[in-house]
Amino acid sequence: MLPEMQVTLAKAHLFTLRVWLVRKEEETAEWRARLQDTQSGEVLYFKDWQALTKHIESILQEQAKV
C-alpha cells in the first residue's frame, strides 16, 4: 500500500446508517436513524437529522485534531 493511501485510510471513518419511517398517526410520520461506528461498534439512535449530523460532525472534528 502506498504511504498516501495509509494516511487517507487513517483519516477515514466508516459508519453504517439505518433509516426508517415511524407512523405516529394516519397523516403523521417521523424519520428515525440508527448510526453504528464500525470501528468501535458503538450504536446510537436519533429522532432528528440535526442531532445525527451534529454527532457525526463532532466525531470528525475530534479526529481532525489527531
PDB file of N, CA and C in Angstrom:
ATOM      1  N   MET A   1       0.844  -1.176   0.000  1.00  0.00           N
ATOM      2  CA  MET A   1       0.000   0.000   0.000  1.00  0.00           C
ATOM      3  C   MET A   1       0.894   1.244   0.000  1.00  0.00           C
ATOM      4  N   LEU A   2       0.511   2.211  -0.789  1.00  0.00           N
ATOM      5  CA  LEU A   2       1.274   3.451  -0.858  1.00  0.00           C
ATOM      6  C   LEU A   2       1.114   4.255   0.421  1.00  0.00           C
ATOM      7  N   PRO A   3       2.153   4.988   0.841  1.00  0.00           N
ATOM      8  CA  PRO A   3       2.057   5.775   2.079  1.00  0.00           C
ATOM      9  C   PRO A   3       0.895   6.771   2.074  1.00  0.00           C
ATOM     10  N   GLU A   4       0.598   7.360   0.890  1.00  0.00           N
ATOM     11  CA  GLU A   4      -0.504   8.321   0.820  1.00  0.00           C
ATOM     12  C   GLU A   4      -1.835   7.638   1.148  1.00  0.00           C
ATOM     13  N   MET A   5      -1.987   6.396   0.709  1.00  0.00           N
ATOM     14  CA  MET A   5      -3.224   5.659   0.968  1.00  0.00           C
ATOM     15  C   MET A   5      -3.365   5.352   2.451  1.00  0.00           C
ATOM     16  N   GLN A   6      -2.255   5.054   3.113  1.00  0.00           N
ATOM     17  CA  GLN A   6      -2.296   4.769   4.545  1.00  0.00           C
ATOM     18  C   GLN A   6      -2.749   5.994   5.324  1.00  0.00           C
ATOM     19  N   VAL A   7      -2.272   7.172   4.946  1.00  0.00           N
ATOM     20  CA  VAL A   7      -2.676   8.406   5.613  1.00  0.00           C
ATOM     21  C   VAL A   7      -4.158   8.648   5.382  1.00  0.00           C
ATOM     22  N   THR A   8      -4.625   8.465   4.149  1.00  0.00           N
ATOM     23  CA  THR A   8      -6.036   8.662   3.829  1.00  0.00           C
ATOM     24  C   THR A   8      -6.909   7.693   4.612  1.00  0.00           C
ATOM     25  N   LEU A   9      -6.521   6.434   4.676  1.00  0.00           N
ATOM     26  CA  LEU A   9      -7.303   5.445   5.418  1.00  0.00           C
ATOM     27  C   LEU A   9      -7.299   5.739   6.907  1.00  0.00           C
ATOM     28  N   ALA A  10      -6.198   6.252   7.428  1.00  0.00           N
ATOM     29  CA  ALA A  10      -6.121   6.577   8.850  1.00  0.00           C
ATOM     30  C   ALA A  10      -7.087   7.701   9.195  1.00  0.00           C
ATOM     31  N   LYS A  11      -7.354   8.595   8.251  1.00  0.00           N
ATOM     32  CA  LYS A  11      -8.254   9.709   8.495  1.00  0.00           C
ATOM     33  C   LYS A  11      -9.704   9.369   8.150  1.00  0.00           C
ATOM     34  N   ALA A  12      -9.938   8.222   7.552  1.00  0.00           N
ATOM     35  CA  ALA A  12     -11.294   7.827   7.169  1.00  0.00           C
ATOM     36  C   ALA A  12     -12.049   7.283   8.376  1.00  0.00           C
ATOM     37  N   HIS A  13     -13.361   7.423   8.319  1.00  0.00           N
ATOM     38  CA  HIS A  13     -14.206   6.904   9.388  1.00  0.00           C
ATOM     39  C   HIS A  13     -15.425   6.264   8.738  1.00  0.00           C
ATOM     40  N   LEU A  14     -15.724   5.034   9.111  1.00  0.00           N
ATOM     41  CA  LEU A  14     -16.805   4.296   8.466  1.00  0.00           C
ATOM     42  C   LEU A  14     -17.956   4.079   9.444  1.00  0.00           C
ATOM     43  N   PHE A  15     -19.161   4.442   8.999  1.00  0.00           N
ATOM     44  CA  PHE A  15     -20.377   4.243   9.778  1.00  0.00           C
ATOM     45  C   PHE A  15     -21.367   3.438   8.949  1.00  0.00           C
ATOM     46  N   THR A  16     -22.264   2.753   9.619  1.00  0.00           N
ATOM     47  CA  THR A  16     -23.441   2.223   8.934  1.00  0.00           C
ATOM     48  C   THR A  16     -24.632   3.013   9.456  1.00  0.00           C
ATOM     49  N   LEU A  17     -25.509   3.354   8.557  1.00  0.00           N
ATOM     50  CA  LEU A  17     -26.664   4.171   8.892  1.00  0.00           C
ATOM     51  C   LEU A  17     -27.922   3.459   8.421  1.00  0.00           C
ATOM     52  N   ARG A  18     -28.854   3.255   9.336  1.00  0.00           N
ATOM     53  CA  ARG A  18     -30.154   2.673   9.014  1.00  0.00           C
ATOM     54  C   ARG A  18     -31.198   3.746   9.264  1.00  0.00           C
ATOM     55  N   VAL A  19     -32.070   3.963   8.295  1.00  0.00           N
ATOM     56  CA  VAL A  19     -33.103   4.984   8.397  1.00  0.00           C
ATOM     57  C   VAL A  19     -34.453   4.335   8.140  1.00  0.00           C
ATOM     58  N   TRP A  20     -35.454   4.682   8.967  1.00  0.00           N
ATOM     59  CA  TRP A  20     -36.798   4.147   8.773  1.00  0.00           C
ATOM     60  C   TRP A  20     -37.839   5.174   9.194  1.00  0.00           C
ATOM     61  N   LEU A  21     -39.051   4.943   8.731  1.00  0.00           N
ATOM     62  CA  LEU A  21     -40.161   5.852   8.966  1.00  0.00           C
ATOM     63  C   LEU A  21     -41.088   5.258  10.023  1.00  0.00           C
ATOM     64  N   VAL A  22     -41.431   6.070  11.026  1.00  0.00           N
ATOM     65  CA  VAL A  22     -42.351   5.651  12.085  1.00  0.00           C
ATOM     66  C   VAL A  22     -43.637   6.451  11.925  1.00  0.00           C
ATOM     67  N   ARG A  23     -44.733   5.761  11.730  1.00  0.00           N
ATOM     68  CA  ARG A  23     -46.033   6.426  11.578  1.00  0.00           C
ATOM     69  C   ARG A  23     -46.622   6.696  12.952  1.00  0.00           C
ATOM     70  N   LYS A  24     -46.899   7.967  13.225  1.00  0.00           N
ATOM     71  CA  LYS A  24     -47.479   8.372  14.507  1.00  0.00           C
ATOM     72  C   LYS A  24     -49.002   8.310  14.455  1.00  0.00           C
ATOM     73  N   GLU A  25     -49.541   8.897  13.441  1.00  0.00           N
ATOM     74  CA  GLU A  25     -50.984   8.901  13.221  1.00  0.00           C
ATOM     75  C   GLU A  25     -51.192   8.648  11.741  1.00  0.00           C
ATOM     76  N   GLU A  26     -52.408   8.696  11.323  1.00  0.00           N
ATOM     77  CA  GLU A  26     -52.689   8.395   9.929  1.00  0.00           C
ATOM     78  C   GLU A  26     -51.956   9.315   8.962  1.00  0.00           C
ATOM     79  N   GLU A  27     -51.811  10.589   9.307  1.00  0.00           N
ATOM     80  CA  GLU A  27     -51.171  11.542   8.407  1.00  0.00           C
ATOM     81  C   GLU A  27     -49.835  12.057   8.923  1.00  0.00           C
ATOM     82  N   THR A  28     -49.339  11.512  10.011  1.00  0.00           N
ATOM     83  CA  THR A  28     -48.096  11.988  10.614  1.00  0.00           C
ATOM     84  C   THR A  28     -47.071  10.856  10.673  1.00  0.00           C
ATOM     85  N   ALA A  29     -45.839  11.197  10.334  1.00  0.00           N
ATOM     86  CA  ALA A  29     -44.752  10.206  10.404  1.00  0.00           C
ATOM     87  C   ALA A  29     -43.454  10.924  10.768  1.00  0.00           C
ATOM     88  N   GLU A  30     -42.532  10.176  11.379  1.00  0.00           N
ATOM     89  CA  GLU A  30     -41.226  10.713  11.752  1.00  0.00           C
ATOM     90  C   GLU A  30     -40.137   9.759  11.273  1.00  0.00           C
ATOM     91  N   TRP A  31     -39.043  10.336  10.824  1.00  0.00           N
ATOM     92  CA  TRP A  31     -37.893   9.538  10.438  1.00  0.00           C
ATOM     93  C   TRP A  31     -37.044   9.241  11.667  1.00  0.00           C
ATOM     94  N   ARG A  32     -36.545   8.044  11.734  1.00  0.00           N
ATOM     95  CA  ARG A  32     -35.625   7.617  12.800  1.00  0.00           C
ATOM     96  C   ARG A  32     -34.349   7.100  12.151  1.00  0.00           C
ATOM     97  N   ALA A  33     -33.268   7.096  12.918  1.00  0.00           N
ATOM     98  CA  ALA A  33     -31.988   6.635  12.380  1.00  0.00           C
ATOM     99  C   ALA A  33     -31.199   5.877  13.442  1.00  0.00           C
ATOM    100  N   ARG A  34     -30.430   4.926  12.969  1.00  0.00           N
ATOM    101  CA  ARG A  34     -29.510   4.148  13.803  1.00  0.00           C
ATOM    102  C   ARG A  34     -28.134   4.283  13.167  1.00  0.00           C
ATOM    103  N   LEU A  35     -27.189   4.804  13.929  1.00  0.00           N
ATOM    104  CA  LEU A  35     -25.827   5.008  13.437  1.00  0.00           C
ATOM    105  C   LEU A  35     -24.892   4.093  14.211  1.00  0.00           C
ATOM    106  N   GLN A  36     -24.107   3.310  13.473  1.00  0.00           N
ATOM    107  CA  GLN A  36     -23.141   2.429  14.132  1.00  0.00           C
ATOM    108  C   GLN A  36     -21.747   2.754  13.640  1.00  0.00           C
ATOM    109  N   ASP A  37     -20.854   2.972  14.585  1.00  0.00           N
ATOM    110  CA  ASP A  37     -19.434   3.174  14.293  1.00  0.00           C
ATOM    111  C   ASP A  37     -18.846   1.787  14.065  1.00  0.00           C
ATOM    112  N   THR A  38     -18.371   1.521  12.863  1.00  0.00           N
ATOM    113  CA  THR A  38     -17.888   0.173  12.560  1.00  0.00           C
ATOM    114  C   THR A  38     -16.567  -0.154  13.240  1.00  0.00           C
ATOM    115  N   GLN A  39     -15.828   0.863  13.671  1.00  0.00           N
ATOM    116  CA  GLN A  39     -14.566   0.588  14.362  1.00  0.00           C
ATOM    117  C   GLN A  39     -14.792   0.232  15.826  1.00  0.00           C
ATOM    118  N   SER A  40     -15.615   1.005  16.510  1.00  0.00           N
ATOM    119  CA  SER A  40     -15.821   0.781  17.940  1.00  0.00           C
ATOM    120  C   SER A  40     -17.032  -0.097  18.230  1.00  0.00           C
ATOM    121  N   GLY A  41     -17.960  -0.174  17.279  1.00  0.00           N
ATOM    122  CA  GLY A  41     -19.189  -0.929  17.497  1.00  0.00           C
ATOM    123  C   GLY A  41     -20.275  -0.115  18.186  1.00  0.00           C
ATOM    124  N   GLU A  42     -19.963   1.128  18.569  1.00  0.00           N
ATOM    125  CA  GLU A  42     -20.931   1.980  19.251  1.00  0.00           C
ATOM    126  C   GLU A  42     -22.160   2.194  18.357  1.00  0.00           C
ATOM    127  N   VAL A  43     -23.348   2.073  18.966  1.00  0.00           N
ATOM    128  CA  VAL A  43     -24.601   2.275  18.252  1.00  0.00           C
ATOM    129  C   VAL A  43     -25.386   3.383  18.938  1.00  0.00           C
ATOM    130  N   LEU A  44     -25.864   4.336  18.137  1.00  0.00           N
ATOM    131  CA  LEU A  44     -26.679   5.434  18.656  1.00  0.00           C
ATOM    132  C   LEU A  44     -27.942   5.549  17.810  1.00  0.00           C
ATOM    133  N   TYR A  45     -29.031   5.969  18.447  1.00  0.00           N
ATOM    134  CA  TYR A  45     -30.304   6.157  17.763  1.00  0.00           C
ATOM    135  C   TYR A  45     -30.661   7.633  17.780  1.00  0.00           C
ATOM    136  N   PHE A  46     -31.269   8.098  16.682  1.00  0.00           N
ATOM    137  CA  PHE A  46     -31.621   9.505  16.536  1.00  0.00           C
ATOM    138  C   PHE A  46     -33.059   9.658  16.072  1.00  0.00           C
ATOM    139  N   LYS A  47     -33.694  10.723  16.562  1.00  0.00           N
ATOM    140  CA  LYS A  47     -35.054  11.046  16.143  1.00  0.00           C
ATOM    141  C   LYS A  47     -35.090  12.221  15.185  1.00  0.00           C
ATOM    142  N   ASP A  48     -33.962  12.921  15.042  1.00  0.00           N
ATOM    143  CA  ASP A  48     -33.960  14.044  14.109  1.00  0.00           C
ATOM    144  C   ASP A  48     -32.611  14.148  13.405  1.00  0.00           C
ATOM    145  N   TRP A  49     -32.643  14.690  12.197  1.00  0.00           N
ATOM    146  CA  TRP A  49     -31.450  14.785  11.366  1.00  0.00           C
ATOM    147  C   TRP A  49     -30.412  15.721  11.953  1.00  0.00           C
ATOM    148  N   GLN A  50     -30.854  16.784  12.586  1.00  0.00           N
ATOM    149  CA  GLN A  50     -29.908  17.753  13.147  1.00  0.00           C
ATOM    150  C   GLN A  50     -29.011  17.100  14.196  1.00  0.00           C
ATOM    151  N   ALA A  51     -29.581  16.298  15.062  1.00  0.00           N
ATOM    152  CA  ALA A  51     -28.782  15.607  16.086  1.00  0.00           C
ATOM    153  C   ALA A  51     -27.826  14.603  15.448  1.00  0.00           C
ATOM    154  N   LEU A  52     -28.299  13.914  14.428  1.00  0.00           N
ATOM    155  CA  LEU A  52     -27.461  12.940  13.725  1.00  0.00           C
ATOM    156  C   LEU A  52     -26.260  13.616  13.080  1.00  0.00           C
ATOM    157  N   THR A  53     -26.505  14.657  12.311  1.00  0.00           N
ATOM    158  CA  THR A  53     -25.397  15.325  11.626  1.00  0.00           C
ATOM    159  C   THR A  53     -24.458  16.016  12.612  1.00  0.00           C
ATOM    160  N   LYS A  54     -25.001  16.551  13.698  1.00  0.00           N
ATOM    161  CA  LYS A  54     -24.154  17.183  14.716  1.00  0.00           C
ATOM    162  C   LYS A  54     -23.215  16.144  15.350  1.00  0.00           C
ATOM    163  N   HIS A  55     -23.725  14.957  15.617  1.00  0.00           N
ATOM    164  CA  HIS A  55     -22.899  13.904  16.205  1.00  0.00           C
ATOM    165  C   HIS A  55     -21.774  13.486  15.246  1.00  0.00           C
ATOM    166  N   ILE A  56     -22.108  13.286  13.981  1.00  0.00           N
ATOM    167  CA  ILE A  56     -21.091  12.892  13.000  1.00  0.00           C
ATOM    168  C   ILE A  56     -20.039  13.991  12.863  1.00  0.00           C
ATOM    169  N   GLU A  57     -20.475  15.230  12.791  1.00  0.00           N
ATOM    170  CA  GLU A  57     -19.525  16.343  12.692  1.00  0.00           C
ATOM    171  C   GLU A  57     -18.596  16.395  13.894  1.00  0.00           C
ATOM    172  N   SER A  58     -19.115  16.163  15.091  1.00  0.00           N
ATOM    173  CA  SER A  58     -18.260  16.208  16.280  1.00  0.00           C
ATOM    174  C   SER A  58     -17.211  15.101  16.256  1.00  0.00           C
ATOM    175  N   ILE A  59     -17.588  13.930  15.790  1.00  0.00           N
ATOM    176  CA  ILE A  59     -16.621  12.821  15.676  1.00  0.00           C
ATOM    177  C   ILE A  59     -15.530  13.179  14.675  1.00  0.00           C
ATOM    178  N   LEU A  60     -15.929  13.703  13.543  1.00  0.00           N
ATOM    179  CA  LEU A  60     -14.955  14.036  12.513  1.00  0.00           C
ATOM    180  C   LEU A  60     -14.052  15.196  12.940  1.00  0.00           C
ATOM    181  N   GLN A  61     -14.596  16.150  13.665  1.00  0.00           N
ATOM    182  CA  GLN A  61     -13.774  17.251  14.162  1.00  0.00           C
ATOM    183  C   GLN A  61     -12.756  16.755  15.178  1.00  0.00           C
ATOM    184  N   GLU A  62     -13.148  15.844  16.053  1.00  0.00           N
ATOM    185  CA  GLU A  62     -12.220  15.268  17.025  1.00  0.00           C
ATOM    186  C   GLU A  62     -11.096  14.532  16.292  1.00  0.00           C
ATOM    187  N   GLN A  63     -11.462  13.776  15.283  1.00  0.00           N
ATOM    188  CA  GLN A  63     -10.480  13.003  14.542  1.00  0.00           C
ATOM    189  C   GLN A  63      -9.527  13.923  13.791  1.00  0.00           C
ATOM    190  N   ALA A  64     -10.007  15.054  13.332  1.00  0.00           N
ATOM    191  CA  ALA A  64      -9.162  16.007  12.591  1.00  0.00           C
ATOM    192  C   ALA A  64      -8.076  16.605  13.495  1.00  0.00           C
ATOM    193  N   LYS A  65      -8.325  16.632  14.805  1.00  0.00           N
ATOM    194  CA  LYS A  65      -7.347  17.172  15.749  1.00  0.00           C
ATOM    195  C   LYS A  65      -6.149  16.259  15.920  1.00  0.00           C
ATOM    196  N   VAL A  66      -6.351  14.975  15.672  1.00  0.00           N
ATOM    197  CA  VAL A  66      -5.292  13.984  15.895  1.00  0.00           C
ATOM    198  C   VAL A  66      -4.235  14.053  14.840  1.00  0.00           C
TER     199      VAL A  66
END
